[in-house]
């Protein structure tokens, strides 16, 4: 992930990092580690558990991409606000996001999506 990962919310960014601790995320977004553990249990925040198999304790490392997804998935507000923050992202980041979204569709739907996009751009 590039330094641009959360450029639209630079106060929430962790430039140059590949994984984060729950404590760091809690400090950054103003919540407790316990709350984040609940989010992990509910499947809302993806972590890598590096604990040994002999312990029940969670030793979580959050990939920076999962942190970014968590922030984006928890944004609230009208669609135009989301479009505004998308517009502030670097073009290369928006292009990569578009590719990732397009790849998430089955091939047939992807073809229709590309047709709709071409029509919208005319």
C-alpha atoms as a PDB file:
ATOM      1  CA  UNK A   1       0.000   0.000   0.000  1.00  0.00           C
ATOM      2  CA  UNK A   2       1.365   3.383  -0.912  1.00  0.00           C
ATOM      3  CA  UNK A   3       1.661   6.405   1.334  1.00  0.00           C
ATOM      4  CA  UNK A   4      -1.548   7.599  -0.353  1.00  0.00           C
ATOM      5  CA  UNK A   5      -3.544   4.846   1.404  1.00  0.00           C
ATOM      6  CA  UNK A   6      -5.675   7.230   3.473  1.00  0.00           C
ATOM      7  CA  UNK A   7      -4.618  10.545   2.011  1.00  0.00           C
ATOM      8  CA  UNK A   8      -8.184  11.839   2.204  1.00  0.00           C
ATOM      9  CA  UNK A   9      -7.968  11.425   6.009  1.00  0.00           C
ATOM     10  CA  UNK A  10      -4.307  12.140   6.626  1.00  0.00           C
ATOM     11  CA  UNK A  11      -4.941  12.258  10.375  1.00  0.00           C
ATOM     12  CA  UNK A  12      -5.853   8.549  10.230  1.00  0.00           C
ATOM     13  CA  UNK A  13      -2.878   7.514   8.125  1.00  0.00           C
ATOM     14  CA  UNK A  14       0.060   5.282   9.068  1.00  0.00           C
ATOM     15  CA  UNK A  15       2.573   6.067   6.301  1.00  0.00           C
ATOM     16  CA  UNK A  16       4.980   3.286   5.445  1.00  0.00           C
ATOM     17  CA  UNK A  17       3.354   0.656   7.701  1.00  0.00           C
ATOM     18  CA  UNK A  18       2.253  -2.793   6.575  1.00  0.00           C
ATOM     19  CA  UNK A  19       0.558  -3.976   9.797  1.00  0.00           C
ATOM     20  CA  UNK A  20      -0.907  -2.265  12.838  1.00  0.00           C
ATOM     21  CA  UNK A  21      -1.678  -3.169  16.433  1.00  0.00           C
ATOM     22  CA  UNK A  22      -5.232  -2.870  17.742  1.00  0.00           C
ATOM     23  CA  UNK A  23      -3.926  -0.437  20.366  1.00  0.00           C
ATOM     24  CA  UNK A  24      -2.586   1.849  17.628  1.00  0.00           C
ATOM     25  CA  UNK A  25      -5.868   1.786  15.740  1.00  0.00           C
ATOM     26  CA  UNK A  26      -7.804   2.478  18.942  1.00  0.00           C
ATOM     27  CA  UNK A  27      -5.624   5.500  19.695  1.00  0.00           C
ATOM     28  CA  UNK A  28      -5.973   6.777  16.124  1.00  0.00           C
ATOM     29  CA  UNK A  29      -9.763   6.510  15.860  1.00  0.00           C
ATOM     30  CA  UNK A  30     -10.598   7.067  19.539  1.00  0.00           C
ATOM     31  CA  UNK A  31     -11.962   3.729  20.690  1.00  0.00           C
ATOM     32  CA  UNK A  32     -10.933   0.944  23.032  1.00  0.00           C
ATOM     33  CA  UNK A  33      -9.056  -2.215  22.156  1.00  0.00           C
ATOM     34  CA  UNK A  34     -12.008  -4.122  23.624  1.00  0.00           C
ATOM     35  CA  UNK A  35     -14.318  -2.483  21.060  1.00  0.00           C
ATOM     36  CA  UNK A  36     -11.922  -3.430  18.259  1.00  0.00           C
ATOM     37  CA  UNK A  37     -11.772  -7.022  19.537  1.00  0.00           C
ATOM     38  CA  UNK A  38     -15.563  -7.103  19.310  1.00  0.00           C
ATOM     39  CA  UNK A  39     -15.308  -5.802  15.747  1.00  0.00           C
ATOM     40  CA  UNK A  40     -12.869  -8.635  14.980  1.00  0.00           C
ATOM     41  CA  UNK A  41     -15.209 -11.230  16.539  1.00  0.00           C
ATOM     42  CA  UNK A  42     -18.094  -9.869  14.442  1.00  0.00           C
ATOM     43  CA  UNK A  43     -15.999 -10.058  11.271  1.00  0.00           C
ATOM     44  CA  UNK A  44     -15.995  -6.299  10.738  1.00  0.00           C
ATOM     45  CA  UNK A  45     -12.229  -5.929  11.135  1.00  0.00           C
ATOM     46  CA  UNK A  46      -9.873  -8.511   9.631  1.00  0.00           C
ATOM     47  CA  UNK A  47      -6.709  -9.394  11.534  1.00  0.00           C
ATOM     48  CA  UNK A  48      -3.836 -11.830  11.395  1.00  0.00           C
ATOM     49  CA  UNK A  49      -3.697 -13.728  14.689  1.00  0.00           C
ATOM     50  CA  UNK A  50      -0.044 -14.505  15.393  1.00  0.00           C
ATOM     51  CA  UNK A  51      -0.728 -16.143  18.765  1.00  0.00           C
ATOM     52  CA  UNK A  52       0.583 -19.639  19.276  1.00  0.00           C
ATOM     53  CA  UNK A  53      -1.917 -22.467  19.131  1.00  0.00           C
ATOM     54  CA  UNK A  54      -1.582 -23.024  22.895  1.00  0.00           C
ATOM     55  CA  UNK A  55      -3.181 -19.731  23.916  1.00  0.00           C
ATOM     56  CA  UNK A  56      -6.673 -18.329  23.678  1.00  0.00           C
ATOM     57  CA  UNK A  57      -5.325 -14.776  23.691  1.00  0.00           C
ATOM     58  CA  UNK A  58      -5.630 -12.804  20.481  1.00  0.00           C
ATOM     59  CA  UNK A  59      -2.286 -11.495  19.228  1.00  0.00           C
ATOM     60  CA  UNK A  60      -3.634  -9.462  16.357  1.00  0.00           C
ATOM     61  CA  UNK A  61      -1.841  -7.670  13.579  1.00  0.00           C
ATOM     62  CA  UNK A  62      -4.066  -5.712  11.224  1.00  0.00           C
ATOM     63  CA  UNK A  63      -2.886  -5.489   7.614  1.00  0.00           C
ATOM     64  CA  UNK A  64      -2.934  -1.845   6.533  1.00  0.00           C
ATOM     65  CA  UNK A  65      -5.341  -2.754   3.711  1.00  0.00           C
ATOM     66  CA  UNK A  66      -7.808  -4.195   6.235  1.00  0.00           C
ATOM     67  CA  UNK A  67      -7.519  -1.063   8.359  1.00  0.00           C
ATOM     68  CA  UNK A  68      -8.250   1.048   5.278  1.00  0.00           C
ATOM     69  CA  UNK A  69     -11.255  -1.125   4.423  1.00  0.00           C
ATOM     70  CA  UNK A  70     -12.518  -0.851   8.002  1.00  0.00           C
ATOM     71  CA  UNK A  71     -12.344   2.950   7.897  1.00  0.00           C
ATOM     72  CA  UNK A  72     -14.042   3.129   4.496  1.00  0.00           C
ATOM     73  CA  UNK A  73     -16.765   0.648   5.474  1.00  0.00           C
ATOM     74  CA  UNK A  74     -17.615   2.694   8.553  1.00  0.00           C
ATOM     75  CA  UNK A  75     -17.941   6.065   6.872  1.00  0.00           C
ATOM     76  CA  UNK A  76     -21.384   7.533   7.164  1.00  0.00           C
ATOM     77  CA  UNK A  77     -22.934  10.372   5.327  1.00  0.00           C
ATOM     78  CA  UNK A  78     -24.573  11.105   2.025  1.00  0.00           C
ATOM     79  CA  UNK A  79     -23.278   9.620  -1.223  1.00  0.00           C
ATOM     80  CA  UNK A  80     -22.012  13.032  -2.377  1.00  0.00           C
ATOM     81  CA  UNK A  81     -19.692  13.155   0.654  1.00  0.00           C
ATOM     82  CA  UNK A  82     -18.271   9.757  -0.310  1.00  0.00           C
ATOM     83  CA  UNK A  83     -17.885  10.924  -3.899  1.00  0.00           C
ATOM     84  CA  UNK A  84     -16.096  14.039  -2.668  1.00  0.00           C
ATOM     85  CA  UNK A  85     -13.521  12.010  -0.758  1.00  0.00           C
ATOM     86  CA  UNK A  86     -13.089   9.699  -3.772  1.00  0.00           C
ATOM     87  CA  UNK A  87     -12.413  12.729  -5.942  1.00  0.00           C
ATOM     88  CA  UNK A  88      -9.599  13.802  -3.604  1.00  0.00           C
ATOM     89  CA  UNK A  89      -7.809  10.481  -3.980  1.00  0.00           C
ATOM     90  CA  UNK A  90      -4.881  10.368  -6.393  1.00  0.00           C
ATOM     91  CA  UNK A  91      -5.900   9.239  -9.874  1.00  0.00           C
ATOM     92  CA  UNK A  92      -3.701   6.124  -9.683  1.00  0.00           C
ATOM     93  CA  UNK A  93      -5.442   5.086  -6.441  1.00  0.00           C
ATOM     94  CA  UNK A  94      -8.892   5.604  -7.988  1.00  0.00           C
ATOM     95  CA  UNK A  95      -7.857   3.576 -11.040  1.00  0.00           C
ATOM     96  CA  UNK A  96      -6.654   0.725  -8.832  1.00  0.00           C
ATOM     97  CA  UNK A  97      -9.882   0.876  -6.827  1.00  0.00           C
ATOM     98  CA  UNK A  98     -11.896   0.729 -10.060  1.00  0.00           C
ATOM     99  CA  UNK A  99      -9.937  -2.330 -11.222  1.00  0.00           C
ATOM    100  CA  UNK A 100     -10.473  -4.079  -7.874  1.00  0.00           C
ATOM    101  CA  UNK A 101     -14.209  -3.347  -7.961  1.00  0.00           C
ATOM    102  CA  UNK A 102     -14.513  -4.511 -11.578  1.00  0.00           C
ATOM    103  CA  UNK A 103     -12.668  -7.753 -10.785  1.00  0.00           C
ATOM    104  CA  UNK A 104     -15.092  -8.474  -7.961  1.00  0.00           C
ATOM    105  CA  UNK A 105     -17.917  -8.970 -10.492  1.00  0.00           C
ATOM    106  CA  UNK A 106     -18.434 -12.178 -12.486  1.00  0.00           C
ATOM    107  CA  UNK A 107     -17.222 -11.980 -16.097  1.00  0.00           C
ATOM    108  CA  UNK A 108     -20.705 -11.473 -17.582  1.00  0.00           C
ATOM    109  CA  UNK A 109     -21.553  -8.679 -15.147  1.00  0.00           C
ATOM    110  CA  UNK A 110     -18.139  -7.121 -15.731  1.00  0.00           C
ATOM    111  CA  UNK A 111     -18.881  -6.916 -19.460  1.00  0.00           C
ATOM    112  CA  UNK A 112     -22.160  -5.132 -18.734  1.00  0.00           C
ATOM    113  CA  UNK A 113     -20.412  -2.827 -16.297  1.00  0.00           C
ATOM    114  CA  UNK A 114     -17.848  -1.837 -18.912  1.00  0.00           C
ATOM    115  CA  UNK A 115     -20.626  -1.224 -21.449  1.00  0.00           C
ATOM    116  CA  UNK A 116     -22.460   1.012 -18.954  1.00  0.00           C
ATOM    117  CA  UNK A 117     -19.239   2.877 -18.219  1.00  0.00           C
ATOM    118  CA  UNK A 118     -18.587   3.471 -21.918  1.00  0.00           C
ATOM    119  CA  UNK A 119     -22.128   4.781 -22.334  1.00  0.00           C
ATOM    120  CA  UNK A 120     -21.755   7.105 -19.334  1.00  0.00           C
ATOM    121  CA  UNK A 121     -18.506   8.522 -20.701  1.00  0.00           C
ATOM    122  CA  UNK A 122     -20.014   9.471 -24.076  1.00  0.00           C
END
